[in-house]
Amino acid sequence: MAHPQQSMNPNLPFHLKPPLFLLGRIVATPGALEIFQPNAESSINSYLHKHQSGDWGDLCDQDIQANNQAYFHGGRILSSYLVGHQKVWIITEADRSVTTILLPSEY
């Protein structure tokens, strides 16, 4: 099985890339919801699709490697995105039952 970010055409826009894993139930903290206003649902869906298609956002090499291992062998998957001037995390649990959108300060 190829590396998630290599298994797809890197030139494809993220919204055309297929999902790599299930998100489960999607929840968001009040702080994260506030960051995504006024178009929260469409904005959140866009970032969820990035996360689910292997665009982990702004992570160090070690976190990217951990995500790739989690994708293949099971484990928590973390993505980090800059939304406006605020960092937002999206975390999918190892059992893929829940995906949480939150601010790092809310972790």
PDB file of N, CA and C in Angstrom:
ATOM      1  N   MET A   1       0.851  -1.169   0.000  1.00  0.00           N
ATOM      2  CA  MET A   1       0.000   0.000   0.000  1.00  0.00           C
ATOM      3  C   MET A   1       0.898   1.233   0.000  1.00  0.00           C
ATOM      4  N   ALA A   2       0.562   2.188  -0.820  1.00  0.00           N
ATOM      5  CA  ALA A   2       1.378   3.389  -0.957  1.00  0.00           C
ATOM      6  C   ALA A   2       1.120   4.365   0.185  1.00  0.00           C
ATOM      7  N   HIS A   3       2.075   5.222   0.398  1.00  0.00           N
ATOM      8  CA  HIS A   3       1.955   6.320   1.351  1.00  0.00           C
ATOM      9  C   HIS A   3       0.715   7.125   0.976  1.00  0.00           C
ATOM     10  N   PRO A   4      -0.126   7.545   1.932  1.00  0.00           N
ATOM     11  CA  PRO A   4      -1.372   8.227   1.594  1.00  0.00           C
ATOM     12  C   PRO A   4      -1.177   9.453   0.709  1.00  0.00           C
ATOM     13  N   GLN A   5      -0.137  10.216   0.974  1.00  0.00           N
ATOM     14  CA  GLN A   5       0.059  11.417   0.182  1.00  0.00           C
ATOM     15  C   GLN A   5       0.709  11.114  -1.160  1.00  0.00           C
ATOM     16  N   GLN A   6       1.267   9.919  -1.342  1.00  0.00           N
ATOM     17  CA  GLN A   6       1.860   9.550  -2.615  1.00  0.00           C
ATOM     18  C   GLN A   6       0.919   8.714  -3.461  1.00  0.00           C
ATOM     19  N   SER A   7      -0.111   8.129  -2.854  1.00  0.00           N
ATOM     20  CA  SER A   7      -1.007   7.242  -3.579  1.00  0.00           C
ATOM     21  C   SER A   7      -1.962   8.006  -4.485  1.00  0.00           C
ATOM     22  N   MET A   8      -2.004   9.313  -4.346  1.00  0.00           N
ATOM     23  CA  MET A   8      -2.896  10.115  -5.148  1.00  0.00           C
ATOM     24  C   MET A   8      -2.064  11.070  -5.989  1.00  0.00           C
ATOM     25  N   ASN A   9      -2.654  11.514  -7.063  1.00  0.00           N
ATOM     26  CA  ASN A   9      -2.003  12.495  -7.894  1.00  0.00           C
ATOM     27  C   ASN A   9      -1.827  13.776  -7.081  1.00  0.00           C
ATOM     28  N   PRO A  10      -0.583  14.174  -6.792  1.00  0.00           N
ATOM     29  CA  PRO A  10      -0.389  15.361  -5.952  1.00  0.00           C
ATOM     30  C   PRO A  10      -0.873  16.642  -6.610  1.00  0.00           C
ATOM     31  N   ASN A  11      -1.100  16.599  -7.923  1.00  0.00           N
ATOM     32  CA  ASN A  11      -1.567  17.787  -8.622  1.00  0.00           C
ATOM     33  C   ASN A  11      -3.085  17.940  -8.570  1.00  0.00           C
ATOM     34  N   LEU A  12      -3.779  16.898  -8.103  1.00  0.00           N
ATOM     35  CA  LEU A  12      -5.229  17.000  -7.959  1.00  0.00           C
ATOM     36  C   LEU A  12      -5.575  17.960  -6.826  1.00  0.00           C
ATOM     37  N   PRO A  13      -6.567  18.820  -7.028  1.00  0.00           N
ATOM     38  CA  PRO A  13      -7.027  19.631  -5.900  1.00  0.00           C
ATOM     39  C   PRO A  13      -7.576  18.716  -4.811  1.00  0.00           C
ATOM     40  N   PHE A  14      -7.427  19.118  -3.550  1.00  0.00           N
ATOM     41  CA  PHE A  14      -7.812  18.251  -2.442  1.00  0.00           C
ATOM     42  C   PHE A  14      -9.272  17.807  -2.531  1.00  0.00           C
ATOM     43  N   HIS A  15     -10.149  18.666  -3.057  1.00  0.00           N
ATOM     44  CA  HIS A  15     -11.563  18.308  -3.088  1.00  0.00           C
ATOM     45  C   HIS A  15     -11.878  17.198  -4.095  1.00  0.00           C
ATOM     46  N   LEU A  16     -10.917  16.828  -4.950  1.00  0.00           N
ATOM     47  CA  LEU A  16     -11.103  15.734  -5.895  1.00  0.00           C
ATOM     48  C   LEU A  16     -10.436  14.445  -5.430  1.00  0.00           C
ATOM     49  N   LYS A  17      -9.707  14.503  -4.333  1.00  0.00           N
ATOM     50  CA  LYS A  17      -9.024  13.319  -3.823  1.00  0.00           C
ATOM     51  C   LYS A  17     -10.004  12.454  -3.046  1.00  0.00           C
ATOM     52  N   PRO A  18      -9.884  11.136  -3.166  1.00  0.00           N
ATOM     53  CA  PRO A  18     -10.813  10.257  -2.453  1.00  0.00           C
ATOM     54  C   PRO A  18     -10.511  10.210  -0.959  1.00  0.00           C
ATOM     55  N   PRO A  19     -11.537   9.948  -0.137  1.00  0.00           N
ATOM     56  CA  PRO A  19     -11.302   9.806   1.307  1.00  0.00           C
ATOM     57  C   PRO A  19     -10.486   8.540   1.584  1.00  0.00           C
ATOM     58  N   LEU A  20      -9.603   8.620   2.575  1.00  0.00           N
ATOM     59  CA  LEU A  20      -8.738   7.499   2.928  1.00  0.00           C
ATOM     60  C   LEU A  20      -9.243   6.699   4.122  1.00  0.00           C
ATOM     61  N   PHE A  21     -10.086   7.308   4.955  1.00  0.00           N
ATOM     62  CA  PHE A  21     -10.549   6.646   6.167  1.00  0.00           C
ATOM     63  C   PHE A  21     -11.875   7.270   6.583  1.00  0.00           C
ATOM     64  N   LEU A  22     -12.591   6.563   7.453  1.00  0.00           N
ATOM     65  CA  LEU A  22     -13.860   7.056   7.973  1.00  0.00           C
ATOM     66  C   LEU A  22     -13.616   8.073   9.080  1.00  0.00           C
ATOM     67  N   LEU A  23     -14.507   9.032   9.199  1.00  0.00           N
ATOM     68  CA  LEU A  23     -14.393  10.060  10.234  1.00  0.00           C
ATOM     69  C   LEU A  23     -15.199   9.724  11.476  1.00  0.00           C
ATOM     70  N   GLY A  24     -16.184   8.859  11.359  1.00  0.00           N
ATOM     71  CA  GLY A  24     -17.069   8.582  12.489  1.00  0.00           C
ATOM     72  C   GLY A  24     -17.948   9.795  12.772  1.00  0.00           C
ATOM     73  N   ARG A  25     -18.359   9.926  14.016  1.00  0.00           N
ATOM     74  CA  ARG A  25     -19.169  11.069  14.443  1.00  0.00           C
ATOM     75  C   ARG A  25     -18.268  12.297  14.474  1.00  0.00           C
ATOM     76  N   ILE A  26     -18.750  13.400  13.954  1.00  0.00           N
ATOM     77  CA  ILE A  26     -17.967  14.638  13.888  1.00  0.00           C
ATOM     78  C   ILE A  26     -18.470  15.590  14.962  1.00  0.00           C
ATOM     79  N   VAL A  27     -17.542  16.046  15.798  1.00  0.00           N
ATOM     80  CA  VAL A  27     -17.868  17.000  16.852  1.00  0.00           C
ATOM     81  C   VAL A  27     -16.882  18.159  16.780  1.00  0.00           C
ATOM     82  N   ALA A  28     -17.310  19.300  17.297  1.00  0.00           N
ATOM     83  CA  ALA A  28     -16.450  20.481  17.304  1.00  0.00           C
ATOM     84  C   ALA A  28     -16.651  21.243  18.603  1.00  0.00           C
ATOM     85  N   THR A  29     -15.580  21.823  19.079  1.00  0.00           N
ATOM     86  CA  THR A  29     -15.639  22.632  20.294  1.00  0.00           C
ATOM     87  C   THR A  29     -16.219  24.010  19.952  1.00  0.00           C
ATOM     88  N   PRO A  30     -16.753  24.715  20.952  1.00  0.00           N
ATOM     89  CA  PRO A  30     -17.270  26.064  20.699  1.00  0.00           C
ATOM     90  C   PRO A  30     -16.199  27.000  20.111  1.00  0.00           C
ATOM     91  N   GLY A  31     -14.973  26.894  20.603  1.00  0.00           N
ATOM     92  CA  GLY A  31     -13.908  27.752  20.084  1.00  0.00           C
ATOM     93  C   GLY A  31     -13.636  27.510  18.619  1.00  0.00           C
ATOM     94  N   ALA A  32     -13.621  26.243  18.213  1.00  0.00           N
ATOM     95  CA  ALA A  32     -13.390  25.922  16.804  1.00  0.00           C
ATOM     96  C   ALA A  32     -14.553  26.416  15.943  1.00  0.00           C
ATOM     97  N   LEU A  33     -15.768  26.223  16.418  1.00  0.00           N
ATOM     98  CA  LEU A  33     -16.924  26.692  15.646  1.00  0.00           C
ATOM     99  C   LEU A  33     -16.877  28.202  15.433  1.00  0.00           C
ATOM    100  N   GLU A  34     -16.437  28.913  16.447  1.00  0.00           N
ATOM    101  CA  GLU A  34     -16.337  30.369  16.333  1.00  0.00           C
ATOM    102  C   GLU A  34     -15.340  30.792  15.251  1.00  0.00           C
ATOM    103  N   ILE A  35     -14.229  30.072  15.152  1.00  0.00           N
ATOM    104  CA  ILE A  35     -13.201  30.380  14.149  1.00  0.00           C
ATOM    105  C   ILE A  35     -13.764  30.253  12.737  1.00  0.00           C
ATOM    106  N   PHE A  36     -14.653  29.293  12.524  1.00  0.00           N
ATOM    107  CA  PHE A  36     -15.168  29.024  11.187  1.00  0.00           C
ATOM    108  C   PHE A  36     -16.356  29.895  10.786  1.00  0.00           C
ATOM    109  N   GLN A  37     -16.842  30.755  11.670  1.00  0.00           N
ATOM    110  CA  GLN A  37     -17.978  31.614  11.335  1.00  0.00           C
ATOM    111  C   GLN A  37     -17.554  32.634  10.291  1.00  0.00           C
ATOM    112  N   PRO A  38     -18.419  33.124   9.419  1.00  0.00           N
ATOM    113  CA  PRO A  38     -19.854  32.951   9.371  1.00  0.00           C
ATOM    114  C   PRO A  38     -20.316  31.748   8.541  1.00  0.00           C
ATOM    115  N   ASN A  39     -19.460  31.144   7.749  1.00  0.00           N
ATOM    116  CA  ASN A  39     -19.868  30.012   6.900  1.00  0.00           C
ATOM    117  C   ASN A  39     -19.331  28.711   7.460  1.00  0.00           C
ATOM    118  N   ALA A  40     -19.668  28.422   8.706  1.00  0.00           N
ATOM    119  CA  ALA A  40     -19.061  27.310   9.435  1.00  0.00           C
ATOM    120  C   ALA A  40     -19.198  25.974   8.719  1.00  0.00           C
ATOM    121  N   GLU A  41     -20.396  25.619   8.287  1.00  0.00           N
ATOM    122  CA  GLU A  41     -20.589  24.276   7.728  1.00  0.00           C
ATOM    123  C   GLU A  41     -19.749  24.052   6.481  1.00  0.00           C
ATOM    124  N   SER A  42     -19.760  24.983   5.521  1.00  0.00           N
ATOM    125  CA  SER A  42     -18.991  24.780   4.292  1.00  0.00           C
ATOM    126  C   SER A  42     -17.497  24.832   4.565  1.00  0.00           C
ATOM    127  N   SER A  43     -17.064  25.719   5.447  1.00  0.00           N
ATOM    128  CA  SER A  43     -15.650  25.805   5.789  1.00  0.00           C
ATOM    129  C   SER A  43     -15.173  24.551   6.499  1.00  0.00           C
ATOM    130  N   ILE A  44     -15.932  24.083   7.461  1.00  0.00           N
ATOM    131  CA  ILE A  44     -15.565  22.880   8.205  1.00  0.00           C
ATOM    132  C   ILE A  44     -15.512  21.681   7.266  1.00  0.00           C
ATOM    133  N   ASN A  45     -16.490  21.547   6.392  1.00  0.00           N
ATOM    134  CA  ASN A  45     -16.496  20.428   5.453  1.00  0.00           C
ATOM    135  C   ASN A  45     -15.257  20.429   4.569  1.00  0.00           C
ATOM    136  N   SER A  46     -14.821  21.595   4.173  1.00  0.00           N
ATOM    137  CA  SER A  46     -13.616  21.713   3.346  1.00  0.00           C
ATOM    138  C   SER A  46     -12.391  21.185   4.091  1.00  0.00           C
ATOM    139  N   TYR A  47     -12.222  21.580   5.330  1.00  0.00           N
ATOM    140  CA  TYR A  47     -11.075  21.120   6.121  1.00  0.00           C
ATOM    141  C   TYR A  47     -11.197  19.636   6.486  1.00  0.00           C
ATOM    142  N   LEU A  48     -12.405  19.175   6.727  1.00  0.00           N
ATOM    143  CA  LEU A  48     -12.595  17.747   7.000  1.00  0.00           C
ATOM    144  C   LEU A  48     -12.186  16.909   5.793  1.00  0.00           C
ATOM    145  N   HIS A  49     -12.521  17.390   4.605  1.00  0.00           N
ATOM    146  CA  HIS A  49     -12.139  16.645   3.401  1.00  0.00           C
ATOM    147  C   HIS A  49     -10.619  16.629   3.227  1.00  0.00           C
ATOM    148  N   LYS A  50      -9.966  17.750   3.502  1.00  0.00           N
ATOM    149  CA  LYS A  50      -8.492  17.768   3.453  1.00  0.00           C
ATOM    150  C   LYS A  50      -7.930  16.711   4.395  1.00  0.00           C
ATOM    151  N   HIS A  51      -8.408  16.724   5.618  1.00  0.00           N
ATOM    152  CA  HIS A  51      -7.963  15.779   6.644  1.00  0.00           C
ATOM    153  C   HIS A  51      -8.188  14.343   6.182  1.00  0.00           C
ATOM    154  N   GLN A  52      -9.382  14.065   5.693  1.00  0.00           N
ATOM    155  CA  GLN A  52      -9.759  12.705   5.314  1.00  0.00           C
ATOM    156  C   GLN A  52      -9.048  12.223   4.055  1.00  0.00           C
ATOM    157  N   SER A  53      -8.549  13.140   3.244  1.00  0.00           N
ATOM    158  CA  SER A  53      -7.879  12.738   2.010  1.00  0.00           C
ATOM    159  C   SER A  53      -6.353  12.738   2.136  1.00  0.00           C
ATOM    160  N   GLY A  54      -5.842  12.910   3.361  1.00  0.00           N
ATOM    161  CA  GLY A  54      -4.400  12.786   3.575  1.00  0.00           C
ATOM    162  C   GLY A  54      -3.620  14.078   3.502  1.00  0.00           C
ATOM    163  N   ASP A  55      -4.304  15.206   3.415  1.00  0.00           N
ATOM    164  CA  ASP A  55      -3.631  16.513   3.502  1.00  0.00           C
ATOM    165  C   ASP A  55      -3.635  16.874   4.981  1.00  0.00           C
ATOM    166  N   TRP A  56      -2.529  16.570   5.666  1.00  0.00           N
ATOM    167  CA  TRP A  56      -2.470  16.733   7.113  1.00  0.00           C
ATOM    168  C   TRP A  56      -2.242  18.177   7.534  1.00  0.00           C
ATOM    169  N   GLY A  57      -2.082  19.072   6.588  1.00  0.00           N
ATOM    170  CA  GLY A  57      -1.897  20.475   6.920  1.00  0.00           C
ATOM    171  C   GLY A  57      -0.486  20.793   7.337  1.00  0.00           C
ATOM    172  N   ASP A  58      -0.357  21.627   8.344  1.00  0.00           N
ATOM    173  CA  ASP A  58       0.933  22.150   8.788  1.00  0.00           C
ATOM    174  C   ASP A  58       1.458  21.317   9.966  1.00  0.00           C
ATOM    175  N   LEU A  59       2.124  20.201   9.639  1.00  0.00           N
ATOM    176  CA  LEU A  59       2.688  19.328  10.663  1.00  0.00           C
ATOM    177  C   LEU A  59       4.185  19.147  10.426  1.00  0.00           C
ATOM    178  N   CYS A  60       4.900  18.843  11.483  1.00  0.00           N
ATOM    179  CA  CYS A  60       6.318  18.523  11.351  1.00  0.00           C
ATOM    180  C   CYS A  60       6.451  17.125  10.736  1.00  0.00           C
ATOM    181  N   ASP A  61       7.639  16.796  10.268  1.00  0.00           N
ATOM    182  CA  ASP A  61       7.881  15.506   9.631  1.00  0.00           C
ATOM    183  C   ASP A  61       7.535  14.336  10.551  1.00  0.00           C
ATOM    184  N   GLN A  62       7.824  14.466  11.825  1.00  0.00           N
ATOM    185  CA  GLN A  62       7.547  13.391  12.782  1.00  0.00           C
ATOM    186  C   GLN A  62       6.032  13.139  12.900  1.00  0.00           C
ATOM    187  N   ASP A  63       5.237  14.197  12.944  1.00  0.00           N
ATOM    188  CA  ASP A  63       3.785  14.040  13.025  1.00  0.00           C
ATOM    189  C   ASP A  63       3.204  13.482  11.725  1.00  0.00           C
ATOM    190  N   ILE A  64       3.771  13.878  10.600  1.00  0.00           N
ATOM    191  CA  ILE A  64       3.332  13.327   9.308  1.00  0.00           C
ATOM    192  C   ILE A  64       3.615  11.833   9.264  1.00  0.00           C
ATOM    193  N   GLN A  65       4.802  11.438   9.697  1.00  0.00           N
ATOM    194  CA  GLN A  65       5.148  10.021   9.730  1.00  0.00           C
ATOM    195  C   GLN A  65       4.209   9.257  10.675  1.00  0.00           C
ATOM    196  N   ALA A  66       3.889   9.839  11.822  1.00  0.00           N
ATOM    197  CA  ALA A  66       2.964   9.202  12.767  1.00  0.00           C
ATOM    198  C   ALA A  66       1.578   9.033  12.137  1.00  0.00           C
ATOM    199  N   ASN A  67       1.114  10.038  11.402  1.00  0.00           N
ATOM    200  CA  ASN A  67      -0.175   9.930  10.718  1.00  0.00           C
ATOM    201  C   ASN A  67      -0.155   8.824   9.666  1.00  0.00           C
ATOM    202  N   ASN A  68       0.936   8.749   8.921  1.00  0.00           N
ATOM    203  CA  ASN A  68       1.032   7.719   7.887  1.00  0.00           C
ATOM    204  C   ASN A  68       1.012   6.330   8.510  1.00  0.00           C
ATOM    205  N   GLN A  69       1.700   6.160   9.622  1.00  0.00           N
ATOM    206  CA  GLN A  69       1.670   4.886  10.335  1.00  0.00           C
ATOM    207  C   GLN A  69       0.263   4.598  10.859  1.00  0.00           C
ATOM    208  N   ALA A  70      -0.394   5.614  11.387  1.00  0.00           N
ATOM    209  CA  ALA A  70      -1.754   5.450  11.905  1.00  0.00           C
ATOM    210  C   ALA A  70      -2.723   5.071  10.792  1.00  0.00           C
ATOM    211  N   TYR A  71      -2.512   5.618   9.619  1.00  0.00           N
ATOM    212  CA  TYR A  71      -3.358   5.292   8.473  1.00  0.00           C
ATOM    213  C   TYR A  71      -3.244   3.811   8.129  1.00  0.00           C
ATOM    214  N   PHE A  72      -2.040   3.290   8.107  1.00  0.00           N
ATOM    215  CA  PHE A  72      -1.814   1.900   7.715  1.00  0.00           C
ATOM    216  C   PHE A  72      -2.082   0.902   8.834  1.00  0.00           C
ATOM    217  N   HIS A  73      -1.754   1.259  10.062  1.00  0.00           N
ATOM    218  CA  HIS A  73      -1.778   0.291  11.156  1.00  0.00           C
ATOM    219  C   HIS A  73      -2.808   0.613  12.236  1.00  0.00           C
ATOM    220  N   GLY A  74      -3.559   1.650  12.041  1.00  0.00           N
ATOM    221  CA  GLY A  74      -4.523   2.074  13.053  1.00  0.00           C
ATOM    222  C   GLY A  74      -3.849   2.989  14.052  1.00  0.00           C
ATOM    223  N   GLY A  75      -4.524   3.985  14.444  1.00  0.00           N
ATOM    224  CA  GLY A  75      -4.001   4.966  15.380  1.00  0.00           C
ATOM    225  C   GLY A  75      -4.687   6.294  15.141  1.00  0.00           C
ATOM    226  N   ARG A  76      -4.480   7.183  16.068  1.00  0.00           N
ATOM    227  CA  ARG A  76      -5.087   8.515  15.986  1.00  0.00           C
ATOM    228  C   ARG A  76      -4.439   9.307  14.853  1.00  0.00           C
ATOM    229  N   ILE A  77      -5.242  10.053  14.117  1.00  0.00           N
ATOM    230  CA  ILE A  77      -4.747  10.886  13.022  1.00  0.00           C
ATOM    231  C   ILE A  77      -5.021  12.343  13.373  1.00  0.00           C
ATOM    232  N   LEU A  78      -3.973  13.153  13.292  1.00  0.00           N
ATOM    233  CA  LEU A  78      -4.046  14.576  13.627  1.00  0.00           C
ATOM    234  C   LEU A  78      -3.707  15.407  12.401  1.00  0.00           C
ATOM    235  N   SER A  79      -4.517  16.406  12.123  1.00  0.00           N
ATOM    236  CA  SER A  79      -4.202  17.416  11.120  1.00  0.00           C
ATOM    237  C   SER A  79      -4.222  18.776  11.798  1.00  0.00           C
ATOM    238  N   SER A  80      -3.434  19.689  11.267  1.00  0.00           N
ATOM    239  CA  SER A  80      -3.349  21.034  11.823  1.00  0.00           C
ATOM    240  C   SER A  80      -3.432  22.041  10.674  1.00  0.00           C
ATOM    241  N   TYR A  81      -4.368  22.967  10.769  1.00  0.00           N
ATOM    242  CA  TYR A  81      -4.579  23.946   9.710  1.00  0.00           C
ATOM    243  C   TYR A  81      -4.622  25.350  10.296  1.00  0.00           C
ATOM    244  N   LEU A  82      -4.176  26.298   9.518  1.00  0.00           N
ATOM    245  CA  LEU A  82      -4.309  27.702   9.883  1.00  0.00           C
ATOM    246  C   LEU A  82      -5.600  28.212   9.247  1.00  0.00           C
ATOM    247  N   VAL A  83      -6.542  28.613  10.075  1.00  0.00           N
ATOM    248  CA  VAL A  83      -7.825  29.149   9.615  1.00  0.00           C
ATOM    249  C   VAL A  83      -7.823  30.615  10.007  1.00  0.00           C
ATOM    250  N   GLY A  84      -7.705  31.461   9.011  1.00  0.00           N
ATOM    251  CA  GLY A  84      -7.477  32.874   9.312  1.00  0.00           C
ATOM    252  C   GLY A  84      -6.121  32.984   9.978  1.00  0.00           C
ATOM    253  N   HIS A  85      -6.098  33.491  11.203  1.00  0.00           N
ATOM    254  CA  HIS A  85      -4.838  33.598  11.956  1.00  0.00           C
ATOM    255  C   HIS A  85      -4.799  32.629  13.127  1.00  0.00           C
ATOM    256  N   GLN A  86      -5.709  31.651  13.129  1.00  0.00           N
ATOM    257  CA  GLN A  86      -5.837  30.735  14.263  1.00  0.00           C
ATOM    258  C   GLN A  86      -5.567  29.295  13.823  1.00  0.00           C
ATOM    259  N   LYS A  87      -4.777  28.596  14.606  1.00  0.00           N
ATOM    260  CA  LYS A  87      -4.527  27.180  14.343  1.00  0.00           C
ATOM    261  C   LYS A  87      -5.708  26.354  14.829  1.00  0.00           C
ATOM    262  N   VAL A  88      -6.126  25.396  13.983  1.00  0.00           N
ATOM    263  CA  VAL A  88      -7.220  24.481  14.303  1.00  0.00           C
ATOM    264  C   VAL A  88      -6.712  23.061  14.088  1.00  0.00           C
ATOM    265  N   TRP A  89      -7.020  22.183  15.039  1.00  0.00           N
ATOM    266  CA  TRP A  89      -6.668  20.772  14.922  1.00  0.00           C
ATOM    267  C   TRP A  89      -7.911  19.971  14.568  1.00  0.00           C
ATOM    268  N   ILE A  90      -7.702  18.929  13.764  1.00  0.00           N
ATOM    269  CA  ILE A  90      -8.730  17.922  13.513  1.00  0.00           C
ATOM    270  C   ILE A  90      -8.103  16.587  13.899  1.00  0.00           C
ATOM    271  N   ILE A  91      -8.766  15.879  14.805  1.00  0.00           N
ATOM    272  CA  ILE A  91      -8.246  14.617  15.326  1.00  0.00           C
ATOM    273  C   ILE A  91      -9.287  13.530  15.111  1.00  0.00           C
ATOM    274  N   THR A  92      -8.884  12.470  14.406  1.00  0.00           N
ATOM    275  CA  THR A  92      -9.728  11.289  14.256  1.00  0.00           C
ATOM    276  C   THR A  92      -9.178  10.202  15.171  1.00  0.00           C
ATOM    277  N   GLU A  93     -10.048   9.663  16.008  1.00  0.00           N
ATOM    278  CA  GLU A  93      -9.643   8.643  16.972  1.00  0.00           C
ATOM    279  C   GLU A  93      -9.196   7.365  16.265  1.00  0.00           C
ATOM    280  N   ALA A  94      -8.406   6.582  16.959  1.00  0.00           N
ATOM    281  CA  ALA A  94      -7.815   5.366  16.391  1.00  0.00           C
ATOM    282  C   ALA A  94      -8.871   4.399  15.873  1.00  0.00           C
ATOM    283  N   ASP A  95      -9.998   4.302  16.555  1.00  0.00           N
ATOM    284  CA  ASP A  95     -11.042   3.363  16.122  1.00  0.00           C
ATOM    285  C   ASP A  95     -11.969   3.978  15.068  1.00  0.00           C
ATOM    286  N   ARG A  96     -11.665   5.209  14.644  1.00  0.00           N
ATOM    287  CA  ARG A  96     -12.418   5.943  13.617  1.00  0.00           C
ATOM    288  C   ARG A  96     -13.876   6.183  14.013  1.00  0.00           C
ATOM    289  N   SER A  97     -14.140   6.213  15.321  1.00  0.00           N
ATOM    290  CA  SER A  97     -15.508   6.420  15.791  1.00  0.00           C
ATOM    291  C   SER A  97     -15.867   7.898  15.904  1.00  0.00           C
ATOM    292  N   VAL A  98     -14.865   8.751  16.117  1.00  0.00           N
ATOM    293  CA  VAL A  98     -15.119  10.179  16.331  1.00  0.00           C
ATOM    294  C   VAL A  98     -13.990  10.994  15.717  1.00  0.00           C
ATOM    295  N   THR A  99     -14.377  12.115  15.120  1.00  0.00           N
ATOM    296  CA  THR A  99     -13.425  13.123  14.672  1.00  0.00           C
ATOM    297  C   THR A  99     -13.787  14.423  15.367  1.00  0.00           C
ATOM    298  N   THR A 100     -12.787  15.030  16.006  1.00  0.00           N
ATOM    299  CA  THR A 100     -13.006  16.247  16.780  1.00  0.00           C
ATOM    300  C   THR A 100     -12.263  17.409  16.134  1.00  0.00           C
ATOM    301  N   ILE A 101     -12.944  18.534  16.020  1.00  0.00           N
ATOM    302  CA  ILE A 101     -12.346  19.780  15.533  1.00  0.00           C
ATOM    303  C   ILE A 101     -12.219  20.695  16.733  1.00  0.00           C
ATOM    304  N   LEU A 102     -10.999  21.159  16.988  1.00  0.00           N
ATOM    305  CA  LEU A 102     -10.760  21.956  18.192  1.00  0.00           C
ATOM    306  C   LEU A 102      -9.568  22.884  18.012  1.00  0.00           C
ATOM    307  N   LEU A 103      -9.461  23.824  18.925  1.00  0.00           N
ATOM    308  CA  LEU A 103      -8.290  24.680  18.997  1.00  0.00           C
ATOM    309  C   LEU A 103      -7.246  23.971  19.870  1.00  0.00           C
ATOM    310  N   PRO A 104      -5.960  24.157  19.576  1.00  0.00           N
ATOM    311  CA  PRO A 104      -4.934  23.529  20.426  1.00  0.00           C
ATOM    312  C   PRO A 104      -5.111  23.872  21.905  1.00  0.00           C
ATOM    313  N   SER A 105      -5.555  25.069  22.202  1.00  0.00           N
ATOM    314  CA  SER A 105      -5.741  25.469  23.603  1.00  0.00           C
ATOM    315  C   SER A 105      -6.888  24.715  24.264  1.00  0.00           C
ATOM    316  N   GLU A 106      -7.738  24.067  23.488  1.00  0.00           N
ATOM    317  CA  GLU A 106      -8.862  23.318  24.034  1.00  0.00           C
ATOM    318  C   GLU A 106      -8.554  21.829  24.201  1.00  0.00           C
ATOM    319  N   TYR A 107      -7.344  21.430  23.864  1.00  0.00           N
ATOM    320  CA  TYR A 107      -6.968  20.013  23.952  1.00  0.00           C
ATOM    321  C   TYR A 107      -6.820  19.569  25.385  1.00  0.00           C
TER     322      TYR A 107
END
